[in-house]
């Protein structure tokens, strides 16, 4: 492949989750665990055209959502390599996790079931908002209620959560 593995490095996932890719990751403060989103991707390239725009401004998201599993959150114990799935839903996408000092995990999800006001019905693009998963990993709580998109949460040094927001301007 032409890519050399850095000396002293080791593979952590080791194909435990099947073919796919990471969609956001954060390392716990003691560096003994990591949280990440895993998106299954059994084939490449995707079986549907990713050319955009298509007829009626449609994109491939509708076909993709209806033929693949959505990304979920996972946590890995770095020392043992044990991976635990934290979220599991056959429709909602959970991505971009970040640890908070109290042990909760903030993440981005389309669990709001909002769609952009400018998209066509075949796009099936749902808007992401921020959610948290409590310390014992048993309860998901919605943090933002934005009609467009809140994404990429990041913990600041003072404990606040910074994130990007997209919204329509000058409408």
Protein backbone atom coordinates (compact mmCIF):
# COMPACT_ATOMS: atom_id res chain seq x y z
CA UNK A 1 0.00 0.00 0.00
CA UNK A 2 3.01 2.30 0.30
CA UNK A 3 2.06 3.40 3.83
CA UNK A 4 4.42 2.42 6.59
CA UNK A 5 3.13 1.83 10.12
CA UNK A 6 4.99 4.15 12.52
CA UNK A 7 7.53 2.34 14.70
CA UNK A 8 6.06 1.39 18.07
CA UNK A 9 2.46 1.81 16.91
CA UNK A 10 -0.21 -0.86 17.08
CA UNK A 11 -3.60 -1.37 15.50
CA UNK A 12 -6.38 -0.94 18.04
CA UNK A 13 -9.58 -1.85 16.22
CA UNK A 14 -8.06 -4.85 14.38
CA UNK A 15 -11.16 -5.42 12.24
CA UNK A 16 -13.32 -6.04 15.33
CA UNK A 17 -16.15 -3.99 13.83
CA UNK A 18 -15.99 -5.10 10.20
CA UNK A 19 -15.36 -2.84 7.22
CA UNK A 20 -16.00 0.83 7.83
CA UNK A 21 -14.50 4.04 9.12
CA UNK A 22 -14.29 6.24 12.21
CA UNK A 23 -16.46 9.35 12.24
CA UNK A 24 -15.18 11.38 15.19
CA UNK A 25 -13.04 10.30 18.14
CA UNK A 26 -11.94 11.55 21.56
CA UNK A 27 -9.42 10.31 24.10
CA UNK A 28 -10.32 10.17 27.82
CA UNK A 29 -8.26 12.48 30.06
CA UNK A 30 -6.07 9.63 31.41
CA UNK A 31 -5.63 8.24 27.87
CA UNK A 32 -6.85 4.80 29.00
CA UNK A 33 -9.99 4.79 26.84
CA UNK A 34 -11.33 6.34 23.68
CA UNK A 35 -14.81 7.04 22.38
CA UNK A 36 -15.52 7.04 18.65
CA UNK A 37 -18.28 6.71 16.10
CA UNK A 38 -18.07 3.78 13.71
CA UNK A 39 -19.77 3.82 10.33
CA UNK A 40 -20.13 0.43 8.65
CA UNK A 41 -19.12 0.57 5.05
CA UNK A 42 -19.22 -2.91 3.55
CA UNK A 43 -18.33 -1.86 0.02
CA UNK A 44 -16.40 0.83 -1.78
CA UNK A 45 -17.28 2.65 -3.85
CA UNK A 46 -20.92 2.92 -2.71
CA UNK A 47 -23.38 1.11 -4.98
CA UNK A 48 -25.29 4.37 -5.59
CA UNK A 49 -23.97 7.32 -7.52
CA UNK A 50 -22.49 10.00 -5.32
CA UNK A 51 -22.62 12.51 -8.17
CA UNK A 52 -24.41 15.61 -7.00
CA UNK A 53 -26.63 17.37 -7.83
CA UNK A 54 -28.86 14.78 -9.36
CA UNK A 55 -32.34 15.22 -10.77
CA UNK A 56 -34.40 17.48 -8.51
CA UNK A 57 -31.34 18.28 -6.38
CA UNK A 58 -31.55 14.78 -4.88
CA UNK A 59 -28.44 13.26 -3.36
CA UNK A 60 -27.47 9.69 -2.48
CA UNK A 61 -28.40 10.05 1.21
CA UNK A 62 -31.85 8.49 0.74
CA UNK A 63 -30.44 5.30 -0.77
CA UNK A 64 -27.52 5.23 1.66
CA UNK A 65 -29.76 5.51 4.74
CA UNK A 66 -31.98 2.73 3.49
CA UNK A 67 -29.18 0.28 2.60
CA UNK A 68 -26.58 0.66 5.38
CA UNK A 69 -26.52 0.74 9.16
CA UNK A 70 -26.10 4.21 10.68
CA UNK A 71 -22.95 5.10 12.63
CA UNK A 72 -23.05 4.35 16.37
CA UNK A 73 -20.87 5.31 19.33
CA UNK A 74 -18.31 2.87 20.71
CA UNK A 75 -15.86 3.03 23.61
CA UNK A 76 -12.54 1.21 23.70
CA UNK A 77 -10.41 0.24 26.67
CA UNK A 78 -6.99 1.09 25.23
CA UNK A 79 -5.01 -1.44 27.29
CA UNK A 80 -7.20 -4.49 26.66
CA UNK A 81 -8.54 -3.45 23.25
CA UNK A 82 -12.08 -4.32 24.38
CA UNK A 83 -14.71 -2.36 22.43
CA UNK A 84 -18.18 -1.66 23.86
CA UNK A 85 -21.02 -0.36 21.72
CA UNK A 86 -22.69 2.61 23.46
CA UNK A 87 -25.56 3.53 21.13
CA UNK A 88 -27.64 1.32 18.92
CA UNK A 89 -30.54 2.36 16.73
CA UNK A 90 -31.41 1.11 13.27
CA UNK A 91 -32.15 4.63 11.97
CA UNK A 92 -30.45 7.42 13.96
CA UNK A 93 -26.88 8.50 13.27
CA UNK A 94 -24.64 9.17 16.31
CA UNK A 95 -21.25 10.77 15.51
CA UNK A 96 -18.55 13.20 16.69
CA UNK A 97 -18.32 12.18 20.38
CA UNK A 98 -16.38 14.13 23.01
CA UNK A 99 -15.76 13.30 26.67
CA UNK A 100 -16.82 15.66 29.46
CA UNK A 101 -14.96 15.71 32.80
CA UNK A 102 -17.92 14.18 34.68
CA UNK A 103 -17.81 11.09 32.44
CA UNK A 104 -20.70 11.98 30.15
CA UNK A 105 -20.20 11.97 26.40
CA UNK A 106 -21.51 14.77 24.21
CA UNK A 107 -22.17 13.85 20.58
CA UNK A 108 -23.95 14.89 17.41
CA UNK A 109 -27.05 13.04 16.25
CA UNK A 110 -29.98 13.36 13.89
CA UNK A 111 -32.36 11.99 16.57
CA UNK A 112 -34.23 15.31 16.34
CA UNK A 113 -35.91 14.11 13.13
CA UNK A 114 -35.68 17.66 11.69
CA UNK A 115 -34.89 18.13 8.03
CA UNK A 116 -33.46 21.20 6.33
CA UNK A 117 -36.12 23.55 5.04
CA UNK A 118 -34.42 23.73 1.65
CA UNK A 119 -34.08 20.03 0.77
CA UNK A 120 -36.07 17.76 -1.48
CA UNK A 121 -37.96 14.77 -0.15
CA UNK A 122 -35.50 12.27 -1.62
CA UNK A 123 -32.48 13.79 0.11
CA UNK A 124 -33.40 12.37 3.52
CA UNK A 125 -30.86 14.69 5.09
CA UNK A 126 -31.74 15.14 8.73
CA UNK A 127 -30.34 17.95 10.83
CA UNK A 128 -27.92 17.15 13.62
CA UNK A 129 -28.20 18.55 17.13
CA UNK A 130 -26.16 17.91 20.28
CA UNK A 131 -26.98 15.11 22.70
CA UNK A 132 -25.28 13.63 25.76
CA UNK A 133 -24.89 10.08 27.00
CA UNK A 134 -24.75 9.95 30.80
CA UNK A 135 -21.85 8.53 32.79
CA UNK A 136 -23.40 5.08 33.25
CA UNK A 137 -24.19 5.01 29.48
CA UNK A 138 -27.89 4.36 30.14
CA UNK A 139 -29.60 7.64 29.21
CA UNK A 140 -29.40 9.92 26.18
CA UNK A 141 -30.38 13.57 26.68
CA UNK A 142 -30.95 16.21 24.04
CA UNK A 143 -28.82 19.33 24.60
CA UNK A 144 -29.77 21.60 21.69
CA UNK A 145 -32.94 22.15 19.69
CA UNK A 146 -31.87 23.86 16.49
CA UNK A 147 -33.88 23.67 13.28
CA UNK A 148 -30.73 23.54 11.21
CA UNK A 149 -27.42 21.97 12.32
CA UNK A 150 -25.34 21.92 15.52
CA UNK A 151 -22.19 19.84 15.08
CA UNK A 152 -18.57 19.10 16.05
CA UNK A 153 -18.75 19.43 19.86
CA UNK A 154 -15.44 20.06 21.58
CA UNK A 155 -14.65 20.45 25.27
CA UNK A 156 -12.88 23.70 26.14
CA UNK A 157 -10.32 24.03 28.96
CA UNK A 158 -12.89 25.83 31.13
CA UNK A 159 -15.40 22.95 30.85
CA UNK A 160 -17.72 24.60 28.34
CA UNK A 161 -18.70 22.79 25.17
CA UNK A 162 -17.95 24.66 21.96
CA UNK A 163 -19.64 23.56 18.75
CA UNK A 164 -20.35 24.75 15.25
CA UNK A 165 -23.80 25.93 14.25
CA UNK A 166 -25.09 26.27 10.74
CA UNK A 167 -28.20 28.29 10.03
CA UNK A 168 -29.73 30.30 7.28
CA UNK A 169 -28.52 33.91 7.10
CA UNK A 170 -30.40 36.99 5.83
CA UNK A 171 -33.60 35.14 4.91
